[in-house]
Amino acid sequence: EVARRRHGGEVPEFVRAVVRRAARPLAELCPVLEATQAASLYRSCRQLPPSVIAPEQAAGLWELHTALADRSASLARIEAFNFQELTSVLFSQACLYPQLWEEDRGEGPANPRWRDLG
């Protein structure tokens, strides 16, 4: 929040390093997250600057995004989220993946891998 408001979105390099190091272990935990935990993780990701949390294959961030999306979809199917958690998850997805919510021009997402997150 401070980085976004006072430093033009620039964050110290150690923040990027911490997020990248945490991405794979968090992805491994996603299949066992409870609804509240999944919503909290999505909210935490949403609050990071896009330059830090954008899905990248090399950094393990893509695995985190897909694992969290899979877990959230599973939890939503069994109606495990309460109203506030579901709203938070959907809002987080809208913020993190604007490509999914753009008006459909018949072309689909520019990158087909984005379909995994929807």
PDB file of N, CA and C in Angstrom:
ATOM      1  N   GLU A   1       0.827  -1.182   0.000  1.00  0.00           N
ATOM      2  CA  GLU A   1       0.000   0.000   0.000  1.00  0.00           C
ATOM      3  C   GLU A   1       0.877   1.254   0.000  1.00  0.00           C
ATOM      4  N   VAL A   2       1.869   1.285   0.861  1.00  0.00           N
ATOM      5  CA  VAL A   2       2.773   2.433   0.929  1.00  0.00           C
ATOM      6  C   VAL A   2       3.531   2.577  -0.385  1.00  0.00           C
ATOM      7  N   ALA A   3       3.990   1.453  -0.936  1.00  0.00           N
ATOM      8  CA  ALA A   3       4.719   1.504  -2.206  1.00  0.00           C
ATOM      9  C   ALA A   3       3.840   2.060  -3.315  1.00  0.00           C
ATOM     10  N   ARG A   4       2.589   1.648  -3.322  1.00  0.00           N
ATOM     11  CA  ARG A   4       1.671   2.103  -4.367  1.00  0.00           C
ATOM     12  C   ARG A   4       1.375   3.586  -4.218  1.00  0.00           C
ATOM     13  N   ARG A   5       1.132   4.025  -3.010  1.00  0.00           N
ATOM     14  CA  ARG A   5       0.719   5.416  -2.798  1.00  0.00           C
ATOM     15  C   ARG A   5       1.870   6.411  -2.815  1.00  0.00           C
ATOM     16  N   ARG A   6       3.020   6.018  -2.291  1.00  0.00           N
ATOM     17  CA  ARG A   6       4.100   6.997  -2.102  1.00  0.00           C
ATOM     18  C   ARG A   6       5.302   6.807  -3.013  1.00  0.00           C
ATOM     19  N   HIS A   7       5.412   5.646  -3.638  1.00  0.00           N
ATOM     20  CA  HIS A   7       6.607   5.372  -4.442  1.00  0.00           C
ATOM     21  C   HIS A   7       6.268   4.950  -5.872  1.00  0.00           C
ATOM     22  N   GLY A   8       5.085   5.296  -6.349  1.00  0.00           N
ATOM     23  CA  GLY A   8       4.704   4.997  -7.721  1.00  0.00           C
ATOM     24  C   GLY A   8       4.633   3.512  -8.026  1.00  0.00           C
ATOM     25  N   GLY A   9       4.366   2.689  -7.026  1.00  0.00           N
ATOM     26  CA  GLY A   9       4.248   1.252  -7.237  1.00  0.00           C
ATOM     27  C   GLY A   9       5.555   0.500  -7.157  1.00  0.00           C
ATOM     28  N   GLU A  10       6.650   1.229  -6.999  1.00  0.00           N
ATOM     29  CA  GLU A  10       7.959   0.587  -6.888  1.00  0.00           C
ATOM     30  C   GLU A  10       8.119  -0.029  -5.508  1.00  0.00           C
ATOM     31  N   VAL A  11       8.539  -1.255  -5.488  1.00  0.00           N
ATOM     32  CA  VAL A  11       8.771  -1.936  -4.213  1.00  0.00           C
ATOM     33  C   VAL A  11      10.230  -2.345  -4.133  1.00  0.00           C
ATOM     34  N   PRO A  12      10.747  -2.481  -2.933  1.00  0.00           N
ATOM     35  CA  PRO A  12      12.141  -2.930  -2.801  1.00  0.00           C
ATOM     36  C   PRO A  12      12.310  -4.314  -3.426  1.00  0.00           C
ATOM     37  N   GLU A  13      13.463  -4.576  -3.944  1.00  0.00           N
ATOM     38  CA  GLU A  13      13.732  -5.841  -4.626  1.00  0.00           C
ATOM     39  C   GLU A  13      13.519  -7.043  -3.713  1.00  0.00           C
ATOM     40  N   PHE A  14      13.767  -6.880  -2.407  1.00  0.00           N
ATOM     41  CA  PHE A  14      13.594  -8.025  -1.517  1.00  0.00           C
ATOM     42  C   PHE A  14      12.144  -8.501  -1.482  1.00  0.00           C
ATOM     43  N   VAL A  15      11.188  -7.597  -1.730  1.00  0.00           N
ATOM     44  CA  VAL A  15       9.774  -8.006  -1.747  1.00  0.00           C
ATOM     45  C   VAL A  15       9.530  -8.957  -2.913  1.00  0.00           C
ATOM     46  N   ARG A  16      10.079  -8.629  -4.071  1.00  0.00           N
ATOM     47  CA  ARG A  16       9.951  -9.522  -5.234  1.00  0.00           C
ATOM     48  C   ARG A  16      10.572 -10.885  -4.924  1.00  0.00           C
ATOM     49  N   ALA A  17      11.742 -10.856  -4.312  1.00  0.00           N
ATOM     50  CA  ALA A  17      12.424 -12.112  -3.992  1.00  0.00           C
ATOM     51  C   ALA A  17      11.619 -12.952  -3.010  1.00  0.00           C
ATOM     52  N   VAL A  18      11.046 -12.326  -2.015  1.00  0.00           N
ATOM     53  CA  VAL A  18      10.240 -13.057  -1.030  1.00  0.00           C
ATOM     54  C   VAL A  18       9.004 -13.670  -1.694  1.00  0.00           C
ATOM     55  N   VAL A  19       8.330 -12.899  -2.525  1.00  0.00           N
ATOM     56  CA  VAL A  19       7.132 -13.409  -3.206  1.00  0.00           C
ATOM     57  C   VAL A  19       7.498 -14.578  -4.104  1.00  0.00           C
ATOM     58  N   ARG A  20       8.577 -14.471  -4.846  1.00  0.00           N
ATOM     59  CA  ARG A  20       8.989 -15.563  -5.741  1.00  0.00           C
ATOM     60  C   ARG A  20       9.378 -16.813  -4.953  1.00  0.00           C
ATOM     61  N   ARG A  21      10.057 -16.636  -3.837  1.00  0.00           N
ATOM     62  CA  ARG A  21      10.436 -17.801  -3.020  1.00  0.00           C
ATOM     63  C   ARG A  21       9.229 -18.450  -2.368  1.00  0.00           C
ATOM     64  N   ALA A  22       8.228 -17.670  -2.046  1.00  0.00           N
ATOM     65  CA  ALA A  22       7.031 -18.204  -1.380  1.00  0.00           C
ATOM     66  C   ALA A  22       6.037 -18.814  -2.360  1.00  0.00           C
ATOM     67  N   ALA A  23       6.145 -18.490  -3.642  1.00  0.00           N
ATOM     68  CA  ALA A  23       5.134 -18.891  -4.622  1.00  0.00           C
ATOM     69  C   ALA A  23       4.961 -20.409  -4.714  1.00  0.00           C
ATOM     70  N   ARG A  24       6.039 -21.151  -4.892  1.00  0.00           N
ATOM     71  CA  ARG A  24       5.909 -22.608  -5.047  1.00  0.00           C
ATOM     72  C   ARG A  24       5.394 -23.291  -3.775  1.00  0.00           C
ATOM     73  N   PRO A  25       5.933 -22.958  -2.603  1.00  0.00           N
ATOM     74  CA  PRO A  25       5.364 -23.562  -1.381  1.00  0.00           C
ATOM     75  C   PRO A  25       3.884 -23.218  -1.186  1.00  0.00           C
ATOM     76  N   LEU A  26       3.498 -21.988  -1.509  1.00  0.00           N
ATOM     77  CA  LEU A  26       2.086 -21.624  -1.400  1.00  0.00           C
ATOM     78  C   LEU A  26       1.236 -22.405  -2.395  1.00  0.00           C
ATOM     79  N   ALA A  27       1.756 -22.592  -3.606  1.00  0.00           N
ATOM     80  CA  ALA A  27       1.025 -23.374  -4.606  1.00  0.00           C
ATOM     81  C   ALA A  27       0.803 -24.805  -4.125  1.00  0.00           C
ATOM     82  N   GLU A  28       1.784 -25.358  -3.440  1.00  0.00           N
ATOM     83  CA  GLU A  28       1.651 -26.721  -2.917  1.00  0.00           C
ATOM     84  C   GLU A  28       0.617 -26.798  -1.803  1.00  0.00           C
ATOM     85  N   LEU A  29       0.427 -25.704  -1.075  1.00  0.00           N
ATOM     86  CA  LEU A  29      -0.569 -25.668  -0.005  1.00  0.00           C
ATOM     87  C   LEU A  29      -1.988 -25.422  -0.506  1.00  0.00           C
ATOM     88  N   CYS A  30      -2.127 -24.852  -1.683  1.00  0.00           N
ATOM     89  CA  CYS A  30      -3.449 -24.474  -2.190  1.00  0.00           C
ATOM     90  C   CYS A  30      -4.481 -25.605  -2.163  1.00  0.00           C
ATOM     91  N   PRO A  31      -4.138 -26.833  -2.529  1.00  0.00           N
ATOM     92  CA  PRO A  31      -5.169 -27.885  -2.541  1.00  0.00           C
ATOM     93  C   PRO A  31      -5.804 -28.184  -1.186  1.00  0.00           C
ATOM     94  N   VAL A  32      -5.199 -27.740  -0.101  1.00  0.00           N
ATOM     95  CA  VAL A  32      -5.766 -28.033   1.217  1.00  0.00           C
ATOM     96  C   VAL A  32      -6.255 -26.768   1.939  1.00  0.00           C
ATOM     97  N   LEU A  33      -6.264 -25.633   1.268  1.00  0.00           N
ATOM     98  CA  LEU A  33      -6.720 -24.406   1.899  1.00  0.00           C
ATOM     99  C   LEU A  33      -8.214 -24.460   2.187  1.00  0.00           C
ATOM    100  N   GLU A  34      -8.599 -23.910   3.313  1.00  0.00           N
ATOM    101  CA  GLU A  34     -10.009 -23.731   3.625  1.00  0.00           C
ATOM    102  C   GLU A  34     -10.490 -22.470   2.911  1.00  0.00           C
ATOM    103  N   ALA A  35     -11.784 -22.274   2.870  1.00  0.00           N
ATOM    104  CA  ALA A  35     -12.357 -21.137   2.144  1.00  0.00           C
ATOM    105  C   ALA A  35     -11.801 -19.798   2.632  1.00  0.00           C
ATOM    106  N   THR A  36     -11.740 -19.610   3.932  1.00  0.00           N
ATOM    107  CA  THR A  36     -11.230 -18.353   4.481  1.00  0.00           C
ATOM    108  C   THR A  36      -9.776 -18.136   4.099  1.00  0.00           C
ATOM    109  N   GLN A  37      -8.989 -19.204   4.118  1.00  0.00           N
ATOM    110  CA  GLN A  37      -7.574 -19.099   3.761  1.00  0.00           C
ATOM    111  C   GLN A  37      -7.399 -18.760   2.281  1.00  0.00           C
ATOM    112  N   ALA A  38      -8.192 -19.388   1.418  1.00  0.00           N
ATOM    113  CA  ALA A  38      -8.104 -19.103  -0.022  1.00  0.00           C
ATOM    114  C   ALA A  38      -8.482 -17.658  -0.304  1.00  0.00           C
ATOM    115  N   ALA A  39      -9.559 -17.187   0.319  1.00  0.00           N
ATOM    116  CA  ALA A  39      -9.975 -15.793   0.123  1.00  0.00           C
ATOM    117  C   ALA A  39      -8.900 -14.832   0.632  1.00  0.00           C
ATOM    118  N   SER A  40      -8.282 -15.156   1.759  1.00  0.00           N
ATOM    119  CA  SER A  40      -7.221 -14.297   2.310  1.00  0.00           C
ATOM    120  C   SER A  40      -5.996 -14.267   1.402  1.00  0.00           C
ATOM    121  N   LEU A  41      -5.640 -15.424   0.844  1.00  0.00           N
ATOM    122  CA  LEU A  41      -4.494 -15.465  -0.066  1.00  0.00           C
ATOM    123  C   LEU A  41      -4.773 -14.657  -1.320  1.00  0.00           C
ATOM    124  N   TYR A  42      -5.978 -14.789  -1.871  1.00  0.00           N
ATOM    125  CA  TYR A  42      -6.334 -13.977  -3.038  1.00  0.00           C
ATOM    126  C   TYR A  42      -6.266 -12.490  -2.696  1.00  0.00           C
ATOM    127  N   ARG A  43      -6.799 -12.114  -1.547  1.00  0.00           N
ATOM    128  CA  ARG A  43      -6.778 -10.706  -1.144  1.00  0.00           C
ATOM    129  C   ARG A  43      -5.339 -10.209  -0.994  1.00  0.00           C
ATOM    130  N   SER A  44      -4.486 -11.032  -0.409  1.00  0.00           N
ATOM    131  CA  SER A  44      -3.072 -10.651  -0.248  1.00  0.00           C
ATOM    132  C   SER A  44      -2.398 -10.470  -1.600  1.00  0.00           C
ATOM    133  N   CYS A  45      -2.678 -11.361  -2.536  1.00  0.00           N
ATOM    134  CA  CYS A  45      -2.110 -11.232  -3.884  1.00  0.00           C
ATOM    135  C   CYS A  45      -2.606  -9.962  -4.559  1.00  0.00           C
ATOM    136  N   ARG A  46      -3.893  -9.683  -4.400  1.00  0.00           N
ATOM    137  CA  ARG A  46      -4.493  -8.501  -5.021  1.00  0.00           C
ATOM    138  C   ARG A  46      -3.853  -7.221  -4.506  1.00  0.00           C
ATOM    139  N   GLN A  47      -3.426  -7.202  -3.272  1.00  0.00           N
ATOM    140  CA  GLN A  47      -2.880  -5.986  -2.685  1.00  0.00           C
ATOM    141  C   GLN A  47      -1.410  -5.751  -3.039  1.00  0.00           C
ATOM    142  N   LEU A  48      -0.779  -6.736  -3.652  1.00  0.00           N
ATOM    143  CA  LEU A  48       0.596  -6.537  -4.119  1.00  0.00           C
ATOM    144  C   LEU A  48       0.583  -5.801  -5.450  1.00  0.00           C
ATOM    145  N   PRO A  49       1.619  -5.033  -5.731  1.00  0.00           N
ATOM    146  CA  PRO A  49       1.691  -4.373  -7.041  1.00  0.00           C
ATOM    147  C   PRO A  49       1.715  -5.419  -8.160  1.00  0.00           C
ATOM    148  N   PRO A  50       1.063  -5.146  -9.282  1.00  0.00           N
ATOM    149  CA  PRO A  50       1.040  -6.105 -10.391  1.00  0.00           C
ATOM    150  C   PRO A  50       2.425  -6.554 -10.835  1.00  0.00           C
ATOM    151  N   SER A  51       3.409  -5.672 -10.745  1.00  0.00           N
ATOM    152  CA  SER A  51       4.762  -6.040 -11.170  1.00  0.00           C
ATOM    153  C   SER A  51       5.359  -7.130 -10.286  1.00  0.00           C
ATOM    154  N   VAL A  52       4.825  -7.312  -9.089  1.00  0.00           N
ATOM    155  CA  VAL A  52       5.342  -8.309  -8.160  1.00  0.00           C
ATOM    156  C   VAL A  52       4.593  -9.624  -8.272  1.00  0.00           C
ATOM    157  N   ILE A  53       3.281  -9.578  -8.500  1.00  0.00           N
ATOM    158  CA  ILE A  53       2.455 -10.784  -8.430  1.00  0.00           C
ATOM    159  C   ILE A  53       2.007 -11.295  -9.804  1.00  0.00           C
ATOM    160  N   ALA A  54       2.327 -10.589 -10.875  1.00  0.00           N
ATOM    161  CA  ALA A  54       1.911 -11.035 -12.206  1.00  0.00           C
ATOM    162  C   ALA A  54       2.395 -12.460 -12.462  1.00  0.00           C
ATOM    163  N   PRO A  55       1.519 -13.297 -13.045  1.00  0.00           N
ATOM    164  CA  PRO A  55       1.906 -14.699 -13.275  1.00  0.00           C
ATOM    165  C   PRO A  55       3.105 -14.821 -14.207  1.00  0.00           C
ATOM    166  N   GLU A  56       4.148 -15.441 -13.705  1.00  0.00           N
ATOM    167  CA  GLU A  56       5.349 -15.716 -14.500  1.00  0.00           C
ATOM    168  C   GLU A  56       5.690 -17.183 -14.324  1.00  0.00           C
ATOM    169  N   GLN A  57       5.969 -17.851 -15.414  1.00  0.00           N
ATOM    170  CA  GLN A  57       6.308 -19.269 -15.347  1.00  0.00           C
ATOM    171  C   GLN A  57       7.594 -19.509 -14.569  1.00  0.00           C
ATOM    172  N   ALA A  58       8.608 -18.718 -14.849  1.00  0.00           N
ATOM    173  CA  ALA A  58       9.924 -18.955 -14.261  1.00  0.00           C
ATOM    174  C   ALA A  58       9.939 -18.756 -12.749  1.00  0.00           C
ATOM    175  N   ALA A  59       9.139 -17.841 -12.251  1.00  0.00           N
ATOM    176  CA  ALA A  59       9.176 -17.522 -10.826  1.00  0.00           C
ATOM    177  C   ALA A  59       8.270 -18.422  -9.992  1.00  0.00           C
ATOM    178  N   GLY A  60       7.538 -19.324 -10.619  1.00  0.00           N
ATOM    179  CA  GLY A  60       6.609 -20.161  -9.884  1.00  0.00           C
ATOM    180  C   GLY A  60       5.287 -19.472  -9.610  1.00  0.00           C
ATOM    181  N   LEU A  61       5.150 -18.245 -10.067  1.00  0.00           N
ATOM    182  CA  LEU A  61       3.915 -17.506  -9.820  1.00  0.00           C
ATOM    183  C   LEU A  61       2.747 -18.066 -10.628  1.00  0.00           C
ATOM    184  N   TRP A  62       3.020 -18.565 -11.822  1.00  0.00           N
ATOM    185  CA  TRP A  62       1.945 -19.149 -12.622  1.00  0.00           C
ATOM    186  C   TRP A  62       1.331 -20.339 -11.877  1.00  0.00           C
ATOM    187  N   GLU A  63       2.177 -21.174 -11.281  1.00  0.00           N
ATOM    188  CA  GLU A  63       1.681 -22.328 -10.531  1.00  0.00           C
ATOM    189  C   GLU A  63       0.829 -21.882  -9.350  1.00  0.00           C
ATOM    190  N   LEU A  64       1.231 -20.817  -8.687  1.00  0.00           N
ATOM    191  CA  LEU A  64       0.451 -20.299  -7.567  1.00  0.00           C
ATOM    192  C   LEU A  64      -0.917 -19.824  -8.047  1.00  0.00           C
ATOM    193  N   HIS A  65      -0.934 -19.063  -9.113  1.00  0.00           N
ATOM    194  CA  HIS A  65      -2.202 -18.543  -9.634  1.00  0.00           C
ATOM    195  C   HIS A  65      -3.131 -19.681 -10.060  1.00  0.00           C
ATOM    196  N   THR A  66      -2.609 -20.654 -10.770  1.00  0.00           N
ATOM    197  CA  THR A  66      -3.482 -21.744 -11.235  1.00  0.00           C
ATOM    198  C   THR A  66      -3.941 -22.625 -10.076  1.00  0.00           C
ATOM    199  N   ALA A  67      -3.064 -22.914  -9.120  1.00  0.00           N
ATOM    200  CA  ALA A  67      -3.451 -23.736  -7.971  1.00  0.00           C
ATOM    201  C   ALA A  67      -4.513 -23.027  -7.137  1.00  0.00           C
ATOM    202  N   LEU A  68      -4.360 -21.732  -6.948  1.00  0.00           N
ATOM    203  CA  LEU A  68      -5.340 -20.974  -6.176  1.00  0.00           C
ATOM    204  C   LEU A  68      -6.675 -20.889  -6.919  1.00  0.00           C
ATOM    205  N   ALA A  69      -6.621 -20.717  -8.225  1.00  0.00           N
ATOM    206  CA  ALA A  69      -7.853 -20.685  -9.013  1.00  0.00           C
ATOM    207  C   ALA A  69      -8.562 -22.041  -8.960  1.00  0.00           C
ATOM    208  N   ASP A  70      -7.805 -23.124  -9.083  1.00  0.00           N
ATOM    209  CA  ASP A  70      -8.400 -24.467  -9.005  1.00  0.00           C
ATOM    210  C   ASP A  70      -9.054 -24.706  -7.648  1.00  0.00           C
ATOM    211  N   ARG A  71      -8.341 -24.332  -6.583  1.00  0.00           N
ATOM    212  CA  ARG A  71      -8.886 -24.542  -5.240  1.00  0.00           C
ATOM    213  C   ARG A  71     -10.127 -23.688  -5.018  1.00  0.00           C
ATOM    214  N   SER A  72     -10.087 -22.456  -5.457  1.00  0.00           N
ATOM    215  CA  SER A  72     -11.234 -21.564  -5.291  1.00  0.00           C
ATOM    216  C   SER A  72     -12.447 -22.078  -6.067  1.00  0.00           C
ATOM    217  N   ALA A  73     -12.216 -22.593  -7.261  1.00  0.00           N
ATOM    218  CA  ALA A  73     -13.323 -23.152  -8.040  1.00  0.00           C
ATOM    219  C   ALA A  73     -13.923 -24.362  -7.321  1.00  0.00           C
ATOM    220  N   SER A  74     -13.067 -25.205  -6.762  1.00  0.00           N
ATOM    221  CA  SER A  74     -13.560 -26.373  -6.018  1.00  0.00           C
ATOM    222  C   SER A  74     -14.371 -25.943  -4.797  1.00  0.00           C
ATOM    223  N   LEU A  75     -13.868 -24.981  -4.078  1.00  0.00           N
ATOM    224  CA  LEU A  75     -14.576 -24.491  -2.894  1.00  0.00           C
ATOM    225  C   LEU A  75     -15.902 -23.830  -3.275  1.00  0.00           C
ATOM    226  N   ALA A  76     -15.913 -23.113  -4.387  1.00  0.00           N
ATOM    227  CA  ALA A  76     -17.149 -22.467  -4.836  1.00  0.00           C
ATOM    228  C   ALA A  76     -18.192 -23.514  -5.251  1.00  0.00           C
ATOM    229  N   ARG A  77     -17.730 -24.590  -5.908  1.00  0.00           N
ATOM    230  CA  ARG A  77     -18.671 -25.647  -6.332  1.00  0.00           C
ATOM    231  C   ARG A  77     -19.377 -26.293  -5.152  1.00  0.00           C
ATOM    232  N   ILE A  78     -18.689 -26.440  -4.047  1.00  0.00           N
ATOM    233  CA  ILE A  78     -19.318 -27.071  -2.875  1.00  0.00           C
ATOM    234  C   ILE A  78     -19.888 -26.026  -1.920  1.00  0.00           C
ATOM    235  N   GLU A  79     -19.933 -24.783  -2.380  1.00  0.00           N
ATOM    236  CA  GLU A  79     -20.500 -23.671  -1.625  1.00  0.00           C
ATOM    237  C   GLU A  79     -19.856 -23.500  -0.250  1.00  0.00           C
ATOM    238  N   ALA A  80     -18.535 -23.620  -0.212  1.00  0.00           N
ATOM    239  CA  ALA A  80     -17.790 -23.478   1.041  1.00  0.00           C
ATOM    240  C   ALA A  80     -17.559 -22.016   1.425  1.00  0.00           C
ATOM    241  N   PHE A  81     -17.572 -21.113   0.438  1.00  0.00           N
ATOM    242  CA  PHE A  81     -17.367 -19.694   0.728  1.00  0.00           C
ATOM    243  C   PHE A  81     -18.645 -19.082   1.284  1.00  0.00           C
ATOM    244  N   ASN A  82     -18.486 -18.222   2.291  1.00  0.00           N
ATOM    245  CA  ASN A  82     -19.645 -17.420   2.667  1.00  0.00           C
ATOM    246  C   ASN A  82     -19.732 -16.260   1.669  1.00  0.00           C
ATOM    247  N   PHE A  83     -20.762 -15.439   1.800  1.00  0.00           N
ATOM    248  CA  PHE A  83     -20.990 -14.375   0.827  1.00  0.00           C
ATOM    249  C   PHE A  83     -19.802 -13.420   0.732  1.00  0.00           C
ATOM    250  N   GLN A  84     -19.264 -13.014   1.879  1.00  0.00           N
ATOM    251  CA  GLN A  84     -18.155 -12.055   1.878  1.00  0.00           C
ATOM    252  C   GLN A  84     -16.904 -12.657   1.243  1.00  0.00           C
ATOM    253  N   GLU A  85     -16.618 -13.918   1.545  1.00  0.00           N
ATOM    254  CA  GLU A  85     -15.434 -14.565   0.974  1.00  0.00           C
ATOM    255  C   GLU A  85     -15.572 -14.722  -0.533  1.00  0.00           C
ATOM    256  N   LEU A  86     -16.745 -15.141  -0.985  1.00  0.00           N
ATOM    257  CA  LEU A  86     -16.957 -15.312  -2.420  1.00  0.00           C
ATOM    258  C   LEU A  86     -16.841 -13.979  -3.149  1.00  0.00           C
ATOM    259  N   THR A  87     -17.419 -12.946  -2.575  1.00  0.00           N
ATOM    260  CA  THR A  87     -17.306 -11.611  -3.169  1.00  0.00           C
ATOM    261  C   THR A  87     -15.850 -11.177  -3.232  1.00  0.00           C
ATOM    262  N   SER A  88     -15.108 -11.431  -2.168  1.00  0.00           N
ATOM    263  CA  SER A  88     -13.692 -11.069  -2.129  1.00  0.00           C
ATOM    264  C   SER A  88     -12.895 -11.826  -3.176  1.00  0.00           C
ATOM    265  N   VAL A  89     -13.159 -13.123  -3.322  1.00  0.00           N
ATOM    266  CA  VAL A  89     -12.453 -13.930  -4.320  1.00  0.00           C
ATOM    267  C   VAL A  89     -12.756 -13.417  -5.725  1.00  0.00           C
ATOM    268  N   LEU A  90     -14.014 -13.159  -6.012  1.00  0.00           N
ATOM    269  CA  LEU A  90     -14.376 -12.668  -7.350  1.00  0.00           C
ATOM    270  C   LEU A  90     -13.766 -11.293  -7.627  1.00  0.00           C
ATOM    271  N   PHE A  91     -13.782 -10.423  -6.627  1.00  0.00           N
ATOM    272  CA  PHE A  91     -13.175  -9.104  -6.802  1.00  0.00           C
ATOM    273  C   PHE A  91     -11.671  -9.227  -7.018  1.00  0.00           C
ATOM    274  N   SER A  92     -11.039 -10.110  -6.259  1.00  0.00           N
ATOM    275  CA  SER A  92      -9.594 -10.326  -6.421  1.00  0.00           C
ATOM    276  C   SER A  92      -9.281 -10.835  -7.817  1.00  0.00           C
ATOM    277  N   GLN A  93     -10.085 -11.784  -8.317  1.00  0.00           N
ATOM    278  CA  GLN A  93      -9.859 -12.289  -9.667  1.00  0.00           C
ATOM    279  C   GLN A  93     -10.050 -11.194 -10.703  1.00  0.00           C
ATOM    280  N   ALA A  94     -11.059 -10.357 -10.503  1.00  0.00           N
ATOM    281  CA  ALA A  94     -11.286  -9.252 -11.447  1.00  0.00           C
ATOM    282  C   ALA A  94     -10.102  -8.294 -11.460  1.00  0.00           C
ATOM    283  N   CYS A  95      -9.497  -8.072 -10.301  1.00  0.00           N
ATOM    284  CA  CYS A  95      -8.339  -7.167 -10.218  1.00  0.00           C
ATOM    285  C   CYS A  95      -7.064  -7.807 -10.776  1.00  0.00           C
ATOM    286  N   LEU A  96      -6.861  -9.083 -10.442  1.00  0.00           N
ATOM    287  CA  LEU A  96      -5.625  -9.764 -10.846  1.00  0.00           C
ATOM    288  C   LEU A  96      -5.616 -10.170 -12.316  1.00  0.00           C
ATOM    289  N   TYR A  97      -6.782 -10.483 -12.865  1.00  0.00           N
ATOM    290  CA  TYR A  97      -6.857 -11.021 -14.229  1.00  0.00           C
ATOM    291  C   TYR A  97      -7.834 -10.216 -15.083  1.00  0.00           C
ATOM    292  N   PRO A  98      -7.546  -8.947 -15.335  1.00  0.00           N
ATOM    293  CA  PRO A  98      -8.494  -8.138 -16.119  1.00  0.00           C
ATOM    294  C   PRO A  98      -8.717  -8.687 -17.525  1.00  0.00           C
ATOM    295  N   GLN A  99      -7.761  -9.469 -18.026  1.00  0.00           N
ATOM    296  CA  GLN A  99      -7.911 -10.055 -19.358  1.00  0.00           C
ATOM    297  C   GLN A  99      -9.142 -10.956 -19.433  1.00  0.00           C
ATOM    298  N   LEU A 100      -9.499 -11.565 -18.321  1.00  0.00           N
ATOM    299  CA  LEU A 100     -10.636 -12.488 -18.315  1.00  0.00           C
ATOM    300  C   LEU A 100     -11.968 -11.767 -18.363  1.00  0.00           C
ATOM    301  N   TRP A 101     -11.983 -10.515 -17.976  1.00  0.00           N
ATOM    302  CA  TRP A 101     -13.243  -9.804 -17.833  1.00  0.00           C
ATOM    303  C   TRP A 101     -13.460  -8.787 -18.941  1.00  0.00           C
ATOM    304  N   GLU A 102     -12.522  -8.676 -19.861  1.00  0.00           N
ATOM    305  CA  GLU A 102     -12.692  -7.742 -20.964  1.00  0.00           C
ATOM    306  C   GLU A 102     -13.821  -8.224 -21.865  1.00  0.00           C
ATOM    307  N   GLU A 103     -14.378  -7.304 -22.593  1.00  0.00           N
ATOM    308  CA  GLU A 103     -15.457  -7.644 -23.508  1.00  0.00           C
ATOM    309  C   GLU A 103     -14.973  -8.667 -24.521  1.00  0.00           C
ATOM    310  N   ASP A 104     -15.751  -9.703 -24.723  1.00  0.00           N
ATOM    311  CA  ASP A 104     -15.371 -10.777 -25.639  1.00  0.00           C
ATOM    312  C   ASP A 104     -15.495 -10.296 -27.079  1.00  0.00           C
ATOM    313  N   ARG A 105     -14.417 -10.399 -27.796  1.00  0.00           N
ATOM    314  CA  ARG A 105     -14.399 -10.023 -29.216  1.00  0.00           C
ATOM    315  C   ARG A 105     -14.367 -11.269 -30.089  1.00  0.00           C
ATOM    316  N   GLY A 106     -14.645 -12.406 -29.493  1.00  0.00           N
ATOM    317  CA  GLY A 106     -14.622 -13.642 -30.247  1.00  0.00           C
ATOM    318  C   GLY A 106     -13.240 -14.245 -30.365  1.00  0.00           C
ATOM    319  N   GLU A 107     -12.241 -13.560 -29.846  1.00  0.00           N
ATOM    320  CA  GLU A 107     -10.875 -14.034 -29.964  1.00  0.00           C
ATOM    321  C   GLU A 107     -10.421 -14.791 -28.726  1.00  0.00           C
ATOM    322  N   GLY A 108     -11.116 -14.585 -27.603  1.00  0.00           N
ATOM    323  CA  GLY A 108     -10.691 -15.192 -26.347  1.00  0.00           C
ATOM    324  C   GLY A 108      -9.493 -14.445 -25.793  1.00  0.00           C
ATOM    325  N   PRO A 109      -8.966 -14.924 -24.682  1.00  0.00           N
ATOM    326  CA  PRO A 109      -7.787 -14.266 -24.106  1.00  0.00           C
ATOM    327  C   PRO A 109      -6.617 -14.301 -25.087  1.00  0.00           C
ATOM    328  N   ALA A 110      -5.788 -13.257 -25.046  1.00  0.00           N
ATOM    329  CA  ALA A 110      -4.636 -13.200 -25.941  1.00  0.00           C
ATOM    330  C   ALA A 110      -3.712 -14.382 -25.712  1.00  0.00           C
ATOM    331  N   ASN A 111      -3.596 -14.814 -24.474  1.00  0.00           N
ATOM    332  CA  ASN A 111      -2.762 -15.958 -24.134  1.00  0.00           C
ATOM    333  C   ASN A 111      -3.689 -17.084 -23.679  1.00  0.00           C
ATOM    334  N   PRO A 112      -3.753 -18.198 -24.389  1.00  0.00           N
ATOM    335  CA  PRO A 112      -4.680 -19.279 -24.029  1.00  0.00           C
ATOM    336  C   PRO A 112      -4.481 -19.828 -22.616  1.00  0.00           C
ATOM    337  N   ARG A 113      -3.298 -19.643 -22.035  1.00  0.00           N
ATOM    338  CA  ARG A 113      -3.075 -20.125 -20.672  1.00  0.00           C
ATOM    339  C   ARG A 113      -3.972 -19.421 -19.669  1.00  0.00           C
ATOM    340  N   TRP A 114      -4.463 -18.218 -20.016  1.00  0.00           N
ATOM    341  CA  TRP A 114      -5.334 -17.477 -19.106  1.00  0.00           C
ATOM    342  C   TRP A 114      -6.645 -18.215 -18.874  1.00  0.00           C
ATOM    343  N   ARG A 115      -7.041 -19.075 -19.794  1.00  0.00           N
ATOM    344  CA  ARG A 115      -8.292 -19.824 -19.617  1.00  0.00           C
ATOM    345  C   ARG A 115      -8.250 -20.688 -18.366  1.00  0.00           C
ATOM    346  N   ASP A 116      -7.054 -21.116 -17.939  1.00  0.00           N
ATOM    347  CA  ASP A 116      -6.921 -21.929 -16.718  1.00  0.00           C
ATOM    348  C   ASP A 116      -7.384 -21.187 -15.486  1.00  0.00           C
ATOM    349  N   LEU A 117      -7.331 -19.870 -15.515  1.00  0.00           N
ATOM    350  CA  LEU A 117      -7.632 -19.076 -14.331  1.00  0.00           C
ATOM    351  C   LEU A 117      -9.104 -18.694 -14.227  1.00  0.00           C
ATOM    352  N   GLY A 118      -9.868 -18.884 -15.286  1.00  0.00           N
ATOM    353  CA  GLY A 118     -11.260 -18.446 -15.292  1.00  0.00           C
ATOM    354  C   GLY A 118     -12.220 -19.411 -14.690  1.00  0.00           C
TER     355      GLY A 118
END
